[in-house]
Amino acid sequence: MTTITYREYQDEISDLAEDLYKEAGEEHPEDEDARNEFMRERLHEIVDGHQWIIYCAYNLSVYEHSPNADAYQDMYGNEDLGAIVADWGLLSLHTTIAACAMQADIEQAVYQLDQGA
């Protein structure tokens, strides 16, 4: 199994948040609403395409190191989670949990960057 260390995870979240924050500021320097919408859309793309989400071997490490491992509960109910497993299998549940956790972690890191700016 492929694992990620806690430090690797935190560094990656920090780097992704910084890149996203910078990119959004460059795209929409004068319009906060447009900047926030851009970040929401781009964040989904970043997480959805990240190797730690795409490759299931990393999923357990993601939510092991995430302080938001339960973020999936804010997005999915029990019936939704059951449907994911029924339609796509148990590994898809791990992917869903990891993606939600990673997204929440990046959102928090972006928020902290914004508060420091």
C-alpha atoms as a PDB file:
ATOM      1  CA  MET A   1       0.000   0.000   0.000  1.00  0.00           C
ATOM      2  CA  THR A   2       1.141   3.518  -0.767  1.00  0.00           C
ATOM      3  CA  THR A   3       1.226   5.877   2.177  1.00  0.00           C
ATOM      4  CA  ILE A   4       1.683   9.581   2.651  1.00  0.00           C
ATOM      5  CA  THR A   5       3.345  11.026   5.729  1.00  0.00           C
ATOM      6  CA  TYR A   6       1.602  13.637   7.823  1.00  0.00           C
ATOM      7  CA  ARG A   7       4.199  16.234   6.789  1.00  0.00           C
ATOM      8  CA  GLU A   8       3.799  15.396   3.090  1.00  0.00           C
ATOM      9  CA  TYR A   9       0.057  15.784   3.406  1.00  0.00           C
ATOM     10  CA  GLN A  10       0.210  19.096   5.232  1.00  0.00           C
ATOM     11  CA  ASP A  11       2.805  20.481   2.803  1.00  0.00           C
ATOM     12  CA  GLU A  12       0.704  19.470  -0.194  1.00  0.00           C
ATOM     13  CA  ILE A  13      -2.445  21.058   1.273  1.00  0.00           C
ATOM     14  CA  SER A  14      -0.520  24.241   1.977  1.00  0.00           C
ATOM     15  CA  ASP A  15       0.976  24.349  -1.531  1.00  0.00           C
ATOM     16  CA  LEU A  16      -2.364  23.696  -3.208  1.00  0.00           C
ATOM     17  CA  ALA A  17      -4.077  26.376  -1.119  1.00  0.00           C
ATOM     18  CA  GLU A  18      -1.384  28.935  -1.876  1.00  0.00           C
ATOM     19  CA  ASP A  19      -1.531  28.191  -5.602  1.00  0.00           C
ATOM     20  CA  LEU A  20      -5.332  28.388  -5.644  1.00  0.00           C
ATOM     21  CA  TYR A  21      -5.388  31.619  -3.667  1.00  0.00           C
ATOM     22  CA  LYS A  22      -2.800  33.205  -5.942  1.00  0.00           C
ATOM     23  CA  GLU A  23      -4.507  32.009  -9.125  1.00  0.00           C
ATOM     24  CA  ALA A  24      -7.890  33.330  -7.993  1.00  0.00           C
ATOM     25  CA  GLY A  25      -6.375  36.703  -7.112  1.00  0.00           C
ATOM     26  CA  GLU A  26      -4.752  36.956 -10.521  1.00  0.00           C
ATOM     27  CA  GLU A  27      -7.942  35.978 -12.347  1.00  0.00           C
ATOM     28  CA  HIS A  28     -10.246  38.317 -10.394  1.00  0.00           C
ATOM     29  CA  PRO A  29      -8.179  40.970  -8.591  1.00  0.00           C
ATOM     30  CA  GLU A  30     -11.049  43.450  -8.141  1.00  0.00           C
ATOM     31  CA  ASP A  31     -14.130  41.254  -7.721  1.00  0.00           C
ATOM     32  CA  GLU A  32     -14.324  39.263  -4.481  1.00  0.00           C
ATOM     33  CA  ASP A  33     -17.513  37.405  -5.453  1.00  0.00           C
ATOM     34  CA  ALA A  34     -16.024  36.317  -8.780  1.00  0.00           C
ATOM     35  CA  ARG A  35     -12.795  35.342  -7.019  1.00  0.00           C
ATOM     36  CA  ASN A  36     -14.706  33.196  -4.511  1.00  0.00           C
ATOM     37  CA  GLU A  37     -16.741  31.519  -7.255  1.00  0.00           C
ATOM     38  CA  PHE A  38     -13.553  30.847  -9.213  1.00  0.00           C
ATOM     39  CA  MET A  39     -11.961  29.260  -6.131  1.00  0.00           C
ATOM     40  CA  ARG A  40     -14.997  27.022  -5.514  1.00  0.00           C
ATOM     41  CA  GLU A  41     -14.982  25.745  -9.083  1.00  0.00           C
ATOM     42  CA  ARG A  42     -11.214  25.393  -9.331  1.00  0.00           C
ATOM     43  CA  LEU A  43     -10.985  23.674  -5.938  1.00  0.00           C
ATOM     44  CA  HIS A  44     -13.263  20.906  -7.147  1.00  0.00           C
ATOM     45  CA  GLU A  45     -11.073  20.423 -10.240  1.00  0.00           C
ATOM     46  CA  ILE A  46      -7.895  20.365  -8.159  1.00  0.00           C
ATOM     47  CA  VAL A  47      -9.183  17.749  -5.738  1.00  0.00           C
ATOM     48  CA  ASP A  48     -10.949  15.650  -8.361  1.00  0.00           C
ATOM     49  CA  GLY A  49      -7.775  15.422 -10.438  1.00  0.00           C
ATOM     50  CA  HIS A  50      -5.267  14.984  -7.634  1.00  0.00           C
ATOM     51  CA  GLN A  51      -3.338  11.702  -7.644  1.00  0.00           C
ATOM     52  CA  TRP A  52      -4.129  11.117  -3.979  1.00  0.00           C
ATOM     53  CA  ILE A  53      -7.803  11.010  -4.897  1.00  0.00           C
ATOM     54  CA  ILE A  54      -7.540   9.299  -8.266  1.00  0.00           C
ATOM     55  CA  TYR A  55      -5.401   6.437  -6.954  1.00  0.00           C
ATOM     56  CA  CYS A  56      -7.279   4.581  -4.244  1.00  0.00           C
ATOM     57  CA  ALA A  57      -4.062   3.403  -2.588  1.00  0.00           C
ATOM     58  CA  TYR A  58      -3.612   6.938  -1.222  1.00  0.00           C
ATOM     59  CA  ASN A  59      -7.169   7.467   0.025  1.00  0.00           C
ATOM     60  CA  LEU A  60      -6.705   6.010   3.500  1.00  0.00           C
ATOM     61  CA  SER A  61      -3.624   8.165   4.110  1.00  0.00           C
ATOM     62  CA  VAL A  62      -5.540  11.278   3.073  1.00  0.00           C
ATOM     63  CA  TYR A  63      -8.277  10.923   5.613  1.00  0.00           C
ATOM     64  CA  GLU A  64      -5.904   9.545   8.212  1.00  0.00           C
ATOM     65  CA  HIS A  65      -3.967  12.842   8.150  1.00  0.00           C
ATOM     66  CA  SER A  66      -6.891  15.168   7.560  1.00  0.00           C
ATOM     67  CA  PRO A  67      -8.432  17.075  10.460  1.00  0.00           C
ATOM     68  CA  ASN A  68     -11.616  17.063   8.346  1.00  0.00           C
ATOM     69  CA  ALA A  69     -11.975  13.329   7.786  1.00  0.00           C
ATOM     70  CA  ASP A  70     -15.675  13.581   8.588  1.00  0.00           C
ATOM     71  CA  ALA A  71     -16.356  16.379   6.063  1.00  0.00           C
ATOM     72  CA  TYR A  72     -18.224  13.893   3.876  1.00  0.00           C
ATOM     73  CA  GLN A  73     -21.044  13.991   6.447  1.00  0.00           C
ATOM     74  CA  ASP A  74     -21.757  17.594   5.468  1.00  0.00           C
ATOM     75  CA  MET A  75     -22.144  16.608   1.816  1.00  0.00           C
ATOM     76  CA  TYR A  76     -23.698  13.144   1.844  1.00  0.00           C
ATOM     77  CA  GLY A  77     -26.419  11.415   3.813  1.00  0.00           C
ATOM     78  CA  ASN A  78     -26.468   7.712   4.617  1.00  0.00           C
ATOM     79  CA  GLU A  79     -28.657   6.942   1.614  1.00  0.00           C
ATOM     80  CA  ASP A  80     -26.286   8.817  -0.695  1.00  0.00           C
ATOM     81  CA  LEU A  81     -23.296   6.944   0.685  1.00  0.00           C
ATOM     82  CA  GLY A  82     -25.126   3.656   0.305  1.00  0.00           C
ATOM     83  CA  ALA A  83     -25.914   4.496  -3.301  1.00  0.00           C
ATOM     84  CA  ILE A  84     -22.250   5.305  -3.969  1.00  0.00           C
ATOM     85  CA  VAL A  85     -21.198   1.915  -2.626  1.00  0.00           C
ATOM     86  CA  ALA A  86     -24.003   0.102  -4.440  1.00  0.00           C
ATOM     87  CA  ASP A  87     -23.226   1.789  -7.757  1.00  0.00           C
ATOM     88  CA  TRP A  88     -19.444   1.982  -7.665  1.00  0.00           C
ATOM     89  CA  GLY A  89     -18.182  -0.359  -4.932  1.00  0.00           C
ATOM     90  CA  LEU A  90     -16.534   0.069  -1.541  1.00  0.00           C
ATOM     91  CA  LEU A  91     -13.371   1.725  -2.881  1.00  0.00           C
ATOM     92  CA  SER A  92     -15.502   4.574  -4.192  1.00  0.00           C
ATOM     93  CA  LEU A  93     -16.567   5.275  -0.613  1.00  0.00           C
ATOM     94  CA  HIS A  94     -12.921   5.680   0.388  1.00  0.00           C
ATOM     95  CA  THR A  95     -12.390   8.002  -2.558  1.00  0.00           C
ATOM     96  CA  THR A  96     -15.444  10.067  -1.601  1.00  0.00           C
ATOM     97  CA  ILE A  97     -14.333  10.405   2.018  1.00  0.00           C
ATOM     98  CA  ALA A  98     -10.782  11.339   0.983  1.00  0.00           C
ATOM     99  CA  ALA A  99     -11.964  13.901  -1.581  1.00  0.00           C
ATOM    100  CA  CYS A 100     -14.297  15.592   0.893  1.00  0.00           C
ATOM    101  CA  ALA A 101     -11.562  15.692   3.535  1.00  0.00           C
ATOM    102  CA  MET A 102      -8.961  17.090   1.154  1.00  0.00           C
ATOM    103  CA  GLN A 103     -11.371  19.715  -0.155  1.00  0.00           C
ATOM    104  CA  ALA A 104     -12.226  20.857   3.365  1.00  0.00           C
ATOM    105  CA  ASP A 105      -8.539  21.019   4.281  1.00  0.00           C
ATOM    106  CA  ILE A 106      -7.715  23.184   1.274  1.00  0.00           C
ATOM    107  CA  GLU A 107     -10.733  25.417   1.980  1.00  0.00           C
ATOM    108  CA  GLN A 108      -9.497  25.957   5.536  1.00  0.00           C
ATOM    109  CA  ALA A 109      -5.969  26.709   4.347  1.00  0.00           C
ATOM    110  CA  VAL A 110      -7.287  29.226   1.789  1.00  0.00           C
ATOM    111  CA  TYR A 111      -9.410  30.853   4.491  1.00  0.00           C
ATOM    112  CA  GLN A 112      -6.347  31.197   6.715  1.00  0.00           C
ATOM    113  CA  LEU A 113      -4.411  32.764   3.830  1.00  0.00           C
ATOM    114  CA  ASP A 114      -7.261  35.180   3.230  1.00  0.00           C
ATOM    115  CA  GLN A 115      -7.394  36.165   6.894  1.00  0.00           C
ATOM    116  CA  GLY A 116      -3.665  36.819   6.899  1.00  0.00           C
ATOM    117  CA  ALA A 117      -3.828  39.009   3.800  1.00  0.00           C
END
